[in-house]
Amino acid sequence: MPRDVLPLGSVVRLRDGGEALVMVMGFEPVLGEARAEYLGIPYPMGLMSEDGALAFDASAIEEVLYWGYLDDRGQEAFDAVRRYRVLARESMRAVDELIEDLTPERVEELMVQYAPLQNAATQATGEQWQEGIALLTKMMGAAKAAEGGQGYPAV
């Protein structure tokens, strides 16, 4: 059985965590804008306050001290987590490649290329389209500034 995802109840020691131990209590928590691979609680005391949980990634794990419980339902959940992580990694690679290739000239090309869609999108969702244009303008400004230019004015 692959051991790339820790089951609930697994106990780990984190890097730079000293002797403190953490028990896995969840997967892929979303905490505001932040994401992590695991959500854990201090072991052996457990969750003592609402802010006592700790989000961490596999790379932060120094040592797995106990492999948690896993049955058929858990295996199905693991398989889903694995698929999610593969898709997330592939998506991030695609975004990174897109960003690497994004220059002010390329952004302008894309704006011209998709200009015919602008009218339809503006009629359907004018406010959302304007928010998108504002974000795109910021991206163009950042790309131009990175190349030493002045950037573009905000919309």
C-alpha atoms as a PDB file:
ATOM      1  CA  MET A   1       0.000   0.000   0.000  1.00  0.00           C
ATOM      2  CA  PRO A   2       1.470   3.403  -0.975  1.00  0.00           C
ATOM      3  CA  ARG A   3       2.318   5.606   1.990  1.00  0.00           C
ATOM      4  CA  ASP A   4       2.172   8.972   0.270  1.00  0.00           C
ATOM      5  CA  VAL A   5      -0.931  10.116   2.187  1.00  0.00           C
ATOM      6  CA  LEU A   6      -1.151   9.707   5.952  1.00  0.00           C
ATOM      7  CA  PRO A   7      -4.446   8.387   7.348  1.00  0.00           C
ATOM      8  CA  LEU A   8      -6.364  10.151  10.080  1.00  0.00           C
ATOM      9  CA  GLY A   9      -4.866   9.427  13.458  1.00  0.00           C
ATOM     10  CA  SER A  10      -1.293   9.242  12.184  1.00  0.00           C
ATOM     11  CA  VAL A  11       1.188  10.813  14.601  1.00  0.00           C
ATOM     12  CA  VAL A  12       4.171  12.749  13.267  1.00  0.00           C
ATOM     13  CA  ARG A  13       7.082  14.849  14.462  1.00  0.00           C
ATOM     14  CA  LEU A  14       7.498  18.028  12.420  1.00  0.00           C
ATOM     15  CA  ARG A  15      10.828  19.528  11.422  1.00  0.00           C
ATOM     16  CA  ASP A  16      11.849  22.294  13.823  1.00  0.00           C
ATOM     17  CA  GLY A  17       9.071  21.146  16.140  1.00  0.00           C
ATOM     18  CA  GLY A  18      11.359  19.830  18.845  1.00  0.00           C
ATOM     19  CA  GLU A  19       9.754  17.009  20.790  1.00  0.00           C
ATOM     20  CA  ALA A  20       6.188  18.168  20.045  1.00  0.00           C
ATOM     21  CA  LEU A  21       4.031  15.616  18.246  1.00  0.00           C
ATOM     22  CA  VAL A  22       1.090  16.222  15.920  1.00  0.00           C
ATOM     23  CA  MET A  23      -1.819  13.900  15.073  1.00  0.00           C
ATOM     24  CA  VAL A  24      -3.359  14.148  11.591  1.00  0.00           C
ATOM     25  CA  MET A  25      -7.031  15.118  11.802  1.00  0.00           C
ATOM     26  CA  GLY A  26      -7.797  16.279   8.250  1.00  0.00           C
ATOM     27  CA  PHE A  27      -6.696  16.649   4.643  1.00  0.00           C
ATOM     28  CA  GLU A  28      -6.333  19.656   2.351  1.00  0.00           C
ATOM     29  CA  PRO A  29      -7.702  22.267   4.794  1.00  0.00           C
ATOM     30  CA  VAL A  30      -8.563  25.677   3.381  1.00  0.00           C
ATOM     31  CA  LEU A  31      -7.773  28.358   5.940  1.00  0.00           C
ATOM     32  CA  GLY A  32      -8.681  31.699   4.409  1.00  0.00           C
ATOM     33  CA  GLU A  33      -6.410  32.097   1.399  1.00  0.00           C
ATOM     34  CA  ALA A  34      -3.948  29.476   2.638  1.00  0.00           C
ATOM     35  CA  ARG A  35      -4.000  25.789   1.780  1.00  0.00           C
ATOM     36  CA  ALA A  36      -2.058  22.881   3.199  1.00  0.00           C
ATOM     37  CA  GLU A  37      -1.883  19.112   2.778  1.00  0.00           C
ATOM     38  CA  TYR A  38      -2.808  18.247   6.372  1.00  0.00           C
ATOM     39  CA  LEU A  39      -4.544  19.591   9.422  1.00  0.00           C
ATOM     40  CA  GLY A  40      -3.224  18.346  12.752  1.00  0.00           C
ATOM     41  CA  ILE A  41      -3.680  18.728  16.481  1.00  0.00           C
ATOM     42  CA  PRO A  42      -1.168  18.473  19.335  1.00  0.00           C
ATOM     43  CA  TYR A  43      -0.652  14.925  20.567  1.00  0.00           C
ATOM     44  CA  PRO A  44      -1.581  13.645  23.161  1.00  0.00           C
ATOM     45  CA  MET A  45      -3.746  16.549  24.403  1.00  0.00           C
ATOM     46  CA  GLY A  46      -5.792  17.042  21.246  1.00  0.00           C
ATOM     47  CA  LEU A  47      -7.719  20.167  20.357  1.00  0.00           C
ATOM     48  CA  MET A  48      -7.806  22.355  23.461  1.00  0.00           C
ATOM     49  CA  SER A  49      -8.956  25.617  21.827  1.00  0.00           C
ATOM     50  CA  GLU A  50     -10.456  26.677  18.512  1.00  0.00           C
ATOM     51  CA  ASP A  51      -7.105  27.988  17.306  1.00  0.00           C
ATOM     52  CA  GLY A  52      -5.178  24.889  18.386  1.00  0.00           C
ATOM     53  CA  ALA A  53      -5.130  23.167  14.979  1.00  0.00           C
ATOM     54  CA  LEU A  54      -2.008  23.283  12.816  1.00  0.00           C
ATOM     55  CA  ALA A  55      -1.913  23.221   9.003  1.00  0.00           C
ATOM     56  CA  PHE A  56       1.192  21.622   7.498  1.00  0.00           C
ATOM     57  CA  ASP A  57       2.541  19.964   4.360  1.00  0.00           C
ATOM     58  CA  ALA A  58       4.255  16.593   3.999  1.00  0.00           C
ATOM     59  CA  SER A  59       7.566  18.388   3.479  1.00  0.00           C
ATOM     60  CA  ALA A  60       7.376  19.613   7.098  1.00  0.00           C
ATOM     61  CA  ILE A  61       7.264  16.067   8.484  1.00  0.00           C
ATOM     62  CA  GLU A  62      10.476  14.903  10.131  1.00  0.00           C
ATOM     63  CA  GLU A  63       9.246  11.453  11.150  1.00  0.00           C
ATOM     64  CA  VAL A  64       6.061   9.362  11.050  1.00  0.00           C
ATOM     65  CA  LEU A  65       5.728   7.765  14.476  1.00  0.00           C
ATOM     66  CA  TYR A  66       2.359   6.059  14.002  1.00  0.00           C
ATOM     67  CA  TRP A  67       0.443   5.114  10.866  1.00  0.00           C
ATOM     68  CA  GLY A  68      -3.271   5.811  11.480  1.00  0.00           C
ATOM     69  CA  TYR A  69      -6.291   3.577  10.896  1.00  0.00           C
ATOM     70  CA  LEU A  70      -7.254   2.727   7.322  1.00  0.00           C
ATOM     71  CA  ASP A  71     -10.166   0.626   6.074  1.00  0.00           C
ATOM     72  CA  ASP A  72     -11.884   0.375   2.664  1.00  0.00           C
ATOM     73  CA  ARG A  73     -13.706   3.693   3.107  1.00  0.00           C
ATOM     74  CA  GLY A  74     -10.451   5.320   4.130  1.00  0.00           C
ATOM     75  CA  GLN A  75      -8.727   3.844   1.085  1.00  0.00           C
ATOM     76  CA  GLU A  76     -11.410   5.348  -1.181  1.00  0.00           C
ATOM     77  CA  ALA A  77     -10.861   8.723   0.470  1.00  0.00           C
ATOM     78  CA  PHE A  78      -7.093   8.349   0.054  1.00  0.00           C
ATOM     79  CA  ASP A  79      -7.505   7.611  -3.625  1.00  0.00           C
ATOM     80  CA  ALA A  80      -9.595  10.778  -3.987  1.00  0.00           C
ATOM     81  CA  VAL A  81      -6.939  12.824  -2.120  1.00  0.00           C
ATOM     82  CA  ARG A  82      -4.209  11.392  -4.361  1.00  0.00           C
ATOM     83  CA  ARG A  83      -6.183  12.263  -7.523  1.00  0.00           C
ATOM     84  CA  TYR A  84      -6.791  15.774  -6.182  1.00  0.00           C
ATOM     85  CA  ARG A  85      -3.104  16.279  -5.412  1.00  0.00           C
ATOM     86  CA  VAL A  86      -2.051  15.088  -8.886  1.00  0.00           C
ATOM     87  CA  LEU A  87      -4.539  17.460 -10.528  1.00  0.00           C
ATOM     88  CA  ALA A  88      -3.454  20.323  -8.264  1.00  0.00           C
ATOM     89  CA  ARG A  89       0.241  19.774  -9.103  1.00  0.00           C
ATOM     90  CA  GLU A  90      -0.523  19.607 -12.842  1.00  0.00           C
ATOM     91  CA  SER A  91      -2.636  22.761 -12.636  1.00  0.00           C
ATOM     92  CA  MET A  92       0.086  24.646 -10.758  1.00  0.00           C
ATOM     93  CA  ARG A  93       2.676  23.591 -13.338  1.00  0.00           C
ATOM     94  CA  ALA A  94       0.407  24.846 -16.127  1.00  0.00           C
ATOM     95  CA  VAL A  95      -0.122  28.171 -14.331  1.00  0.00           C
ATOM     96  CA  ASP A  96       3.628  28.524 -13.708  1.00  0.00           C
ATOM     97  CA  GLU A  97       4.329  27.911 -17.416  1.00  0.00           C
ATOM     98  CA  LEU A  98       1.680  30.449 -18.409  1.00  0.00           C
ATOM     99  CA  ILE A  99       3.112  33.064 -16.055  1.00  0.00           C
ATOM    100  CA  GLU A 100       6.652  32.461 -17.340  1.00  0.00           C
ATOM    101  CA  ASP A 101       5.454  33.165 -20.882  1.00  0.00           C
ATOM    102  CA  LEU A 102       3.345  36.187 -19.896  1.00  0.00           C
ATOM    103  CA  THR A 103       4.899  39.396 -21.158  1.00  0.00           C
ATOM    104  CA  PRO A 104       3.129  42.733 -21.721  1.00  0.00           C
ATOM    105  CA  GLU A 105       3.223  42.043 -25.458  1.00  0.00           C
ATOM    106  CA  ARG A 106       1.614  38.618 -24.985  1.00  0.00           C
ATOM    107  CA  VAL A 107      -1.096  40.089 -22.741  1.00  0.00           C
ATOM    108  CA  GLU A 108      -1.859  42.718 -25.390  1.00  0.00           C
ATOM    109  CA  GLU A 109      -2.010  39.972 -28.055  1.00  0.00           C
ATOM    110  CA  LEU A 110      -4.478  38.025 -25.944  1.00  0.00           C
ATOM    111  CA  MET A 111      -6.618  41.115 -25.349  1.00  0.00           C
ATOM    112  CA  VAL A 112      -6.807  41.765 -29.095  1.00  0.00           C
ATOM    113  CA  GLN A 113      -7.435  38.082 -29.834  1.00  0.00           C
ATOM    114  CA  TYR A 114     -10.312  37.909 -27.377  1.00  0.00           C
ATOM    115  CA  ALA A 115     -11.720  41.396 -28.021  1.00  0.00           C
ATOM    116  CA  PRO A 116     -14.755  39.979 -29.902  1.00  0.00           C
ATOM    117  CA  LEU A 117     -15.724  38.156 -26.715  1.00  0.00           C
ATOM    118  CA  GLN A 118     -15.511  41.348 -24.716  1.00  0.00           C
ATOM    119  CA  ASN A 119     -18.789  42.748 -26.046  1.00  0.00           C
ATOM    120  CA  ALA A 120     -20.745  39.565 -25.320  1.00  0.00           C
ATOM    121  CA  ALA A 121     -19.186  39.216 -21.882  1.00  0.00           C
ATOM    122  CA  THR A 122     -19.786  42.883 -21.055  1.00  0.00           C
ATOM    123  CA  GLN A 123     -23.451  42.600 -21.946  1.00  0.00           C
ATOM    124  CA  ALA A 124     -23.879  39.410 -19.912  1.00  0.00           C
ATOM    125  CA  THR A 125     -21.863  40.325 -16.834  1.00  0.00           C
ATOM    126  CA  GLY A 126     -20.616  43.875 -17.126  1.00  0.00           C
ATOM    127  CA  GLU A 127     -19.411  44.235 -13.534  1.00  0.00           C
ATOM    128  CA  GLN A 128     -17.573  40.900 -13.522  1.00  0.00           C
ATOM    129  CA  TRP A 129     -15.959  41.698 -16.864  1.00  0.00           C
ATOM    130  CA  GLN A 130     -14.722  45.046 -15.558  1.00  0.00           C
ATOM    131  CA  GLU A 131     -13.214  43.284 -12.543  1.00  0.00           C
ATOM    132  CA  GLY A 132     -11.459  40.875 -14.907  1.00  0.00           C
ATOM    133  CA  ILE A 133     -10.128  43.726 -17.055  1.00  0.00           C
ATOM    134  CA  ALA A 134      -8.872  45.486 -13.907  1.00  0.00           C
ATOM    135  CA  LEU A 135      -7.041  42.322 -12.846  1.00  0.00           C
ATOM    136  CA  LEU A 136      -5.604  41.840 -16.340  1.00  0.00           C
ATOM    137  CA  THR A 137      -4.458  45.471 -16.358  1.00  0.00           C
ATOM    138  CA  LYS A 138      -2.690  44.925 -13.029  1.00  0.00           C
ATOM    139  CA  MET A 139      -0.997  41.827 -14.459  1.00  0.00           C
ATOM    140  CA  MET A 140       0.110  43.778 -17.531  1.00  0.00           C
ATOM    141  CA  GLY A 141       1.449  46.554 -15.316  1.00  0.00           C
ATOM    142  CA  ALA A 142       3.363  44.086 -13.167  1.00  0.00           C
ATOM    143  CA  ALA A 143       4.849  42.384 -16.225  1.00  0.00           C
ATOM    144  CA  LYS A 144       5.847  45.719 -17.770  1.00  0.00           C
ATOM    145  CA  ALA A 145       7.277  46.968 -14.455  1.00  0.00           C
ATOM    146  CA  ALA A 146       9.307  43.767 -14.140  1.00  0.00           C
ATOM    147  CA  GLU A 147      10.867  44.599 -17.487  1.00  0.00           C
ATOM    148  CA  GLY A 148      11.676  48.119 -16.288  1.00  0.00           C
ATOM    149  CA  GLY A 149       8.700  49.886 -17.876  1.00  0.00           C
ATOM    150  CA  GLN A 150       6.146  52.134 -16.240  1.00  0.00           C
ATOM    151  CA  GLY A 151       3.234  49.704 -16.266  1.00  0.00           C
ATOM    152  CA  TYR A 152      -0.344  50.472 -17.199  1.00  0.00           C
ATOM    153  CA  PRO A 153      -2.828  52.746 -15.453  1.00  0.00           C
ATOM    154  CA  ALA A 154      -5.489  51.047 -13.328  1.00  0.00           C
ATOM    155  CA  VAL A 155      -8.930  50.712 -14.902  1.00  0.00           C
END
